[in-house]
Every structure is written in structure tokens, then in C-alpha cells.
Amino acid sequence: MLGALTILSEKYHYASIGIEAALTEEIVSFAKKFGFSKIQNKNDDWLIPTTTLKENLE
């Protein structure tokens, strides 16, 4: 799934991919595993540049 998102992000010129409202430990663990960074806001959002995600998946 993440691989498909990186391909689509190149096609549609997206610079980053986010996870909104990561409220459970499972989602937080997933975000950390693939290199997402926590955004400093009250919504527990995580973000990763698409180039970094692509590198992490290789």
C-alpha cells in the first residue's frame, strides 16, 4: 500500500504523505516503523516526505 502511495505521489506531485489522528499504539508504531515524524499539533498527526518514504521502503 505504501509503495503504491509513493508511485501515486510522484504521478500527482505530492511532496509528503500524512497519517491523521494516530490515536492508537498500533498506528503510532506503524508511523515510527516507516519513518514518519510527529507533527506538533493537538491531533496526533504524522508526516513523511515521499522521497524519504520511498527510500525507507527499498
Protein backbone atom coordinates (compact mmCIF):
# COMPACT_ATOMS: atom_id res chain seq x y z
CA MET A 1 0.00 0.00 0.00
CA LEU A 2 2.74 2.48 0.90
CA GLY A 3 4.59 1.56 -2.27
CA ALA A 4 1.50 2.40 -4.31
CA LEU A 5 1.18 5.72 -2.49
CA THR A 6 4.77 6.65 -3.36
CA ILE A 7 4.09 5.90 -7.03
CA LEU A 8 0.91 7.98 -6.99
CA SER A 9 2.68 10.80 -5.15
CA GLU A 10 5.21 11.05 -7.98
CA LYS A 11 2.47 10.99 -10.62
CA TYR A 12 0.40 13.70 -8.90
CA HIS A 13 3.35 15.70 -7.48
CA TYR A 14 2.69 15.24 -3.78
CA ALA A 15 5.66 16.10 -1.56
CA SER A 16 4.53 14.28 1.57
CA ILE A 17 2.15 11.69 2.98
CA GLY A 18 0.41 12.04 6.32
CA ILE A 19 -1.42 10.00 8.90
CA GLU A 20 -4.13 11.95 10.68
CA ALA A 21 -5.20 11.36 14.28
CA ALA A 22 -2.89 8.45 15.11
CA LEU A 23 -4.62 7.71 18.39
CA THR A 24 -3.74 4.05 18.93
CA GLU A 25 -0.37 2.47 19.73
CA GLU A 26 -0.68 0.30 16.61
CA ILE A 27 -0.91 3.33 14.34
CA VAL A 28 1.91 5.12 16.16
CA SER A 29 4.11 2.01 15.86
CA PHE A 30 3.31 1.82 12.13
CA ALA A 31 4.23 5.50 11.67
CA LYS A 32 7.52 5.09 13.54
CA LYS A 33 8.40 1.87 11.69
CA PHE A 34 8.28 3.60 8.31
CA GLY A 35 9.93 6.85 9.42
CA PHE A 36 7.01 9.24 9.78
CA SER A 37 7.63 12.27 12.04
CA LYS A 38 5.09 13.52 14.57
CA ILE A 39 3.71 16.97 13.84
CA GLN A 40 3.50 19.23 16.86
CA ASN A 41 -0.26 19.73 16.99
CA LYS A 42 -3.14 18.53 19.11
CA ASN A 43 -4.37 15.98 16.56
CA ASP A 44 -1.53 13.41 16.82
CA ASP A 45 -0.73 13.70 13.11
CA TRP A 46 2.36 12.18 11.45
CA LEU A 47 4.06 13.20 8.21
CA ILE A 48 6.81 11.90 5.91
CA PRO A 49 8.31 13.30 2.70
CA THR A 50 7.51 10.95 -0.18
CA THR A 51 11.19 10.72 -1.14
CA THR A 52 12.08 9.55 2.37
CA LEU A 53 9.27 7.01 2.40
CA LYS A 54 10.40 5.64 -0.95
CA GLU A 55 13.96 5.24 0.39
CA ASN A 56 12.69 3.57 3.57
CA LEU A 57 10.74 1.02 1.53
CA GLU A 58 13.75 -0.01 -0.58
